[in-house]
N, C-alpha and C. Protein backbone atom coordinates (compact mmCIF):
# COMPACT_ATOMS: atom_id res chain seq x y z
N MET A 1 -113.05 -31.62 65.46
CA MET A 1 -111.60 -31.75 65.43
C MET A 1 -111.26 -33.31 64.80
N HIS A 2 -111.88 -33.82 64.96
CA HIS A 2 -111.72 -35.86 64.10
C HIS A 2 -111.23 -35.22 62.38
N VAL A 3 -111.62 -34.31 62.05
CA VAL A 3 -111.47 -32.79 60.71
C VAL A 3 -110.12 -32.90 60.44
N ALA A 4 -109.64 -31.86 61.73
CA ALA A 4 -108.13 -31.35 61.90
C ALA A 4 -107.05 -32.36 62.41
N ALA A 5 -107.43 -33.14 63.12
CA ALA A 5 -106.43 -34.11 62.77
C ALA A 5 -105.83 -34.99 61.26
N CYS A 6 -107.34 -35.31 60.74
CA CYS A 6 -106.83 -36.15 59.63
C CYS A 6 -106.16 -34.74 58.68
N ILE A 7 -106.40 -33.71 58.82
CA ILE A 7 -105.62 -33.15 57.56
C ILE A 7 -104.13 -33.10 58.63
N GLU A 8 -104.30 -32.73 59.30
CA GLU A 8 -102.93 -32.74 59.25
C GLU A 8 -101.46 -34.14 59.39
N GLU A 9 -102.33 -35.30 59.95
CA GLU A 9 -101.89 -36.72 59.42
C GLU A 9 -101.91 -36.23 58.09
N GLY A 10 -102.49 -35.70 57.40
CA GLY A 10 -101.80 -36.31 55.63
C GLY A 10 -100.88 -35.12 55.37
N LYS A 11 -100.73 -33.95 56.39
CA LYS A 11 -99.90 -33.25 56.11
C LYS A 11 -98.56 -33.82 56.01
N LYS A 12 -97.98 -34.19 57.26
CA LYS A 12 -97.26 -35.33 57.79
C LYS A 12 -96.67 -36.29 56.52
N ASN A 13 -97.51 -36.85 56.22
CA ASN A 13 -97.51 -38.01 55.08
C ASN A 13 -96.71 -37.57 53.86
N MET A 14 -97.32 -36.30 53.27
CA MET A 14 -97.02 -35.59 52.36
C MET A 14 -95.43 -34.94 52.43
N ALA A 15 -95.67 -34.73 53.56
CA ALA A 15 -93.79 -34.04 53.77
C ALA A 15 -93.00 -35.41 54.09
N THR A 16 -93.15 -36.29 54.36
CA THR A 16 -92.24 -37.30 54.08
C THR A 16 -92.25 -38.13 52.52
N GLN A 17 -93.29 -37.98 52.00
CA GLN A 17 -93.72 -38.58 50.40
C GLN A 17 -92.35 -38.29 49.95
N GLY A 18 -92.12 -36.83 50.24
CA GLY A 18 -91.30 -36.38 48.49
C GLY A 18 -89.83 -36.46 49.01
N MET A 19 -89.34 -37.75 50.11
CA MET A 19 -88.25 -37.10 50.60
C MET A 19 -87.64 -38.46 50.36
N THR A 20 -88.88 -39.51 50.17
CA THR A 20 -88.74 -40.46 49.84
C THR A 20 -89.30 -41.55 48.42
N ARG A 21 -89.22 -40.47 47.66
CA ARG A 21 -89.72 -40.80 45.88
C ARG A 21 -88.14 -41.54 45.10
N PRO A 22 -88.16 -42.40 44.75
CA PRO A 22 -87.43 -42.81 43.90
C PRO A 22 -87.04 -41.32 42.62
N ALA A 23 -85.92 -41.14 42.15
CA ALA A 23 -85.49 -40.60 41.17
C ALA A 23 -86.98 -41.10 39.90
N PRO A 24 -87.25 -39.84 38.71
CA PRO A 24 -88.30 -40.58 37.46
C PRO A 24 -87.39 -41.59 37.16
N PHE A 25 -88.05 -42.60 35.74
CA PHE A 25 -87.68 -43.72 35.33
C PHE A 25 -86.76 -42.65 34.54
N GLY A 26 -85.53 -43.01 34.37
CA GLY A 26 -84.82 -42.79 32.79
C GLY A 26 -83.99 -41.19 33.17
N ALA A 27 -84.21 -40.95 34.95
CA ALA A 27 -82.96 -40.08 35.07
C ALA A 27 -81.71 -39.98 35.05
N GLU A 28 -81.69 -41.03 35.41
CA GLU A 28 -79.59 -41.45 35.75
C GLU A 28 -79.37 -41.78 34.34
N THR A 29 -80.37 -42.56 33.08
CA THR A 29 -80.18 -42.82 32.18
C THR A 29 -79.85 -41.06 31.28
N VAL A 30 -80.39 -40.19 31.26
CA VAL A 30 -80.24 -38.86 31.34
C VAL A 30 -79.15 -38.46 31.91
N TYR A 31 -78.72 -38.71 32.93
CA TYR A 31 -77.47 -37.62 33.79
C TYR A 31 -76.20 -38.71 32.78
N ARG A 32 -76.28 -39.50 32.96
CA ARG A 32 -74.83 -40.47 31.52
C ARG A 32 -75.16 -39.93 30.78
N ILE A 33 -76.11 -39.90 29.78
CA ILE A 33 -75.64 -39.12 28.27
C ILE A 33 -75.12 -37.86 28.36
N VAL A 34 -76.20 -37.14 29.41
CA VAL A 34 -75.62 -35.68 29.01
C VAL A 34 -73.79 -35.75 29.95
N SER A 35 -73.59 -36.62 31.22
CA SER A 35 -72.16 -36.70 31.19
C SER A 35 -70.94 -36.91 29.88
N ALA A 36 -71.44 -38.05 29.58
CA ALA A 36 -70.60 -38.57 28.53
C ALA A 36 -70.71 -37.31 27.59
N ALA A 37 -71.71 -37.18 26.81
CA ALA A 37 -71.57 -35.83 25.98
C ALA A 37 -70.57 -34.55 26.41
N GLU A 38 -70.78 -34.57 28.18
CA GLU A 38 -69.80 -33.27 28.32
C GLU A 38 -68.50 -33.23 27.98
N ALA A 39 -68.14 -35.22 28.43
CA ALA A 39 -66.86 -35.66 28.36
C ALA A 39 -65.94 -35.36 27.03
N LEU A 40 -67.13 -35.63 26.18
CA LEU A 40 -66.61 -36.06 24.71
C LEU A 40 -66.44 -34.14 24.12
N TRP A 41 -66.91 -33.11 25.05
CA TRP A 41 -67.26 -32.21 24.46
C TRP A 41 -65.67 -31.34 24.92
N ASN A 42 -65.15 -31.69 26.25
CA ASN A 42 -64.35 -31.87 26.69
C ASN A 42 -63.49 -31.89 26.25
N ALA A 43 -63.34 -33.16 25.53
CA ALA A 43 -61.72 -33.99 25.26
C ALA A 43 -61.73 -32.80 23.75
N ALA A 44 -62.76 -33.32 22.73
CA ALA A 44 -62.32 -32.32 21.85
C ALA A 44 -62.03 -31.24 21.59
N ILE A 45 -61.99 -30.25 22.81
CA ILE A 45 -61.64 -29.24 23.27
C ILE A 45 -60.63 -29.08 23.10
N GLU A 46 -60.28 -30.13 24.43
CA GLU A 46 -58.35 -29.71 24.70
C GLU A 46 -58.03 -30.53 23.55
N TRP A 47 -58.58 -31.72 22.42
CA TRP A 47 -57.56 -32.07 21.78
C TRP A 47 -57.11 -30.93 20.38
N ASN A 48 -58.70 -30.16 20.65
CA ASN A 48 -58.25 -28.88 19.33
C ASN A 48 -56.79 -28.04 20.00
N SER A 49 -57.11 -27.56 21.33
CA SER A 49 -55.80 -27.01 22.01
C SER A 49 -54.49 -27.71 21.65
N ALA A 50 -54.26 -27.84 21.87
CA ALA A 50 -52.83 -29.41 21.83
C ALA A 50 -52.75 -29.15 20.22
N ARG A 51 -53.55 -28.81 19.09
CA ARG A 51 -54.03 -29.09 17.80
C ARG A 51 -53.23 -27.84 17.45
N ILE A 52 -53.76 -26.80 17.52
CA ILE A 52 -53.28 -25.22 17.27
C ILE A 52 -51.91 -25.28 18.37
N THR A 53 -51.71 -25.33 19.31
CA THR A 53 -50.15 -25.31 19.85
C THR A 53 -49.26 -25.33 19.10
N ARG A 54 -49.42 -27.14 18.95
CA ARG A 54 -48.54 -28.42 17.99
C ARG A 54 -48.38 -27.26 16.87
N ARG A 55 -49.21 -26.86 15.99
CA ARG A 55 -48.73 -26.37 14.80
C ARG A 55 -48.18 -24.76 14.89
N GLU A 56 -48.43 -24.03 15.64
CA GLU A 56 -47.72 -22.95 16.15
C GLU A 56 -46.27 -23.15 16.43
N LEU A 57 -46.49 -23.59 17.57
CA LEU A 57 -44.77 -24.84 17.86
C LEU A 57 -43.89 -24.96 17.17
N SER A 58 -44.76 -25.87 15.69
CA SER A 58 -43.95 -26.89 14.36
C SER A 58 -43.54 -25.09 13.85
N ARG A 59 -43.76 -24.70 13.84
CA ARG A 59 -43.61 -23.02 12.89
C ARG A 59 -42.65 -22.34 13.04
N LEU A 60 -42.23 -22.52 13.81
CA LEU A 60 -40.91 -22.10 14.73
C LEU A 60 -39.31 -22.63 14.24
N SER A 61 -38.80 -22.09 13.65
CA SER A 61 -36.87 -22.70 13.36
C SER A 61 -36.52 -22.88 14.57
N LEU A 62 -35.69 -24.07 13.97
CA LEU A 62 -34.52 -24.63 15.72
C LEU A 62 -34.51 -23.16 16.42
N HIS A 63 -33.96 -22.74 16.09
CA HIS A 63 -32.73 -21.52 16.90
C HIS A 63 -34.25 -21.11 17.35
N GLU A 64 -35.70 -20.28 17.38
CA GLU A 64 -36.35 -19.95 17.91
C GLU A 64 -37.29 -21.06 19.41
N LEU A 65 -36.73 -22.39 18.68
CA LEU A 65 -37.12 -23.20 20.09
C LEU A 65 -36.21 -23.71 20.63
N GLU A 66 -35.17 -23.13 20.37
CA GLU A 66 -33.72 -23.35 21.30
C GLU A 66 -34.08 -21.52 22.12
N ASP A 67 -34.49 -20.73 21.67
CA ASP A 67 -34.25 -19.42 22.53
C ASP A 67 -35.27 -20.05 23.67
N ILE A 68 -36.03 -20.54 23.62
CA ILE A 68 -38.07 -20.65 24.46
C ILE A 68 -37.63 -22.35 25.36
N GLY A 69 -36.07 -22.79 24.78
CA GLY A 69 -35.68 -23.98 25.55
C GLY A 69 -36.31 -24.93 25.16
N LEU A 70 -36.56 -25.15 23.91
CA LEU A 70 -37.75 -26.49 23.74
C LEU A 70 -36.53 -27.23 22.33
N THR A 71 -36.81 -28.41 21.98
CA THR A 71 -36.19 -29.22 20.77
C THR A 71 -37.68 -29.29 20.13
N PRO A 72 -37.51 -29.81 18.91
CA PRO A 72 -38.33 -30.33 18.31
C PRO A 72 -39.09 -31.53 19.07
N ALA A 73 -38.88 -32.41 19.82
CA ALA A 73 -39.12 -33.87 20.10
C ALA A 73 -40.14 -33.24 21.54
N ASP A 74 -39.58 -32.17 21.92
CA ASP A 74 -40.59 -31.35 23.01
C ASP A 74 -42.27 -30.90 22.37
N ILE A 75 -41.98 -30.30 21.52
CA ILE A 75 -43.95 -30.07 20.93
C ILE A 75 -44.33 -30.66 20.99
N ASP A 76 -44.64 -32.33 20.74
CA ASP A 76 -45.84 -32.97 21.52
C ASP A 76 -46.23 -32.70 23.32
N ARG A 77 -45.19 -32.91 23.75
CA ARG A 77 -45.23 -32.88 25.17
C ARG A 77 -46.03 -31.72 25.47
N VAL A 78 -45.47 -30.80 25.25
CA VAL A 78 -45.73 -29.56 25.25
C VAL A 78 -47.51 -28.88 25.11
N ALA A 79 -47.24 -29.28 24.02
CA ALA A 79 -48.86 -28.87 23.03
C ALA A 79 -49.51 -29.95 24.11
N ARG A 80 -49.37 -31.63 24.22
CA ARG A 80 -50.21 -31.85 25.37
C ARG A 80 -50.55 -31.46 27.31
N VAL A 81 -48.93 -30.86 27.30
CA VAL A 81 -49.80 -30.52 28.83
C VAL A 81 -50.26 -28.73 28.85
N THR A 82 -49.52 -28.28 27.78
CA THR A 82 -50.67 -26.97 27.89
C THR A 82 -52.37 -27.06 27.79
N ALA A 83 -52.81 -28.15 26.52
CA ALA A 83 -54.21 -28.24 26.66
C ALA A 83 -54.88 -28.86 27.72
N ARG A 84 -54.16 -29.17 28.56
CA ARG A 84 -54.51 -29.99 29.73
C ARG A 84 -55.05 -29.09 30.68
N ARG A 85 -54.19 -27.56 30.74
CA ARG A 85 -54.65 -26.34 31.82
C ARG A 85 -55.41 -25.92 30.90
N ASN A 86 -55.84 -25.65 29.89
CA ASN A 86 -56.84 -24.95 29.48
C ASN A 86 -58.54 -25.74 29.71
């Protein structure tokens, strides 16, 4: 009977230990590095999308821009807004 009580007490201790253990050393640092890399990657994708949109709109003539309701001054703004949506 005493052995069974000790085993049961050990199971209770093991169950609570897993819940209160701190994160492994460096886990937060790794998370921050991965988050920063992801943000950098997303910024590069956004920049490239804006660059492509800007290039394509810049190739249009003034008449073609007017047909779609834009002026040459609108190109940068449209490129930035469009890139953020993607």
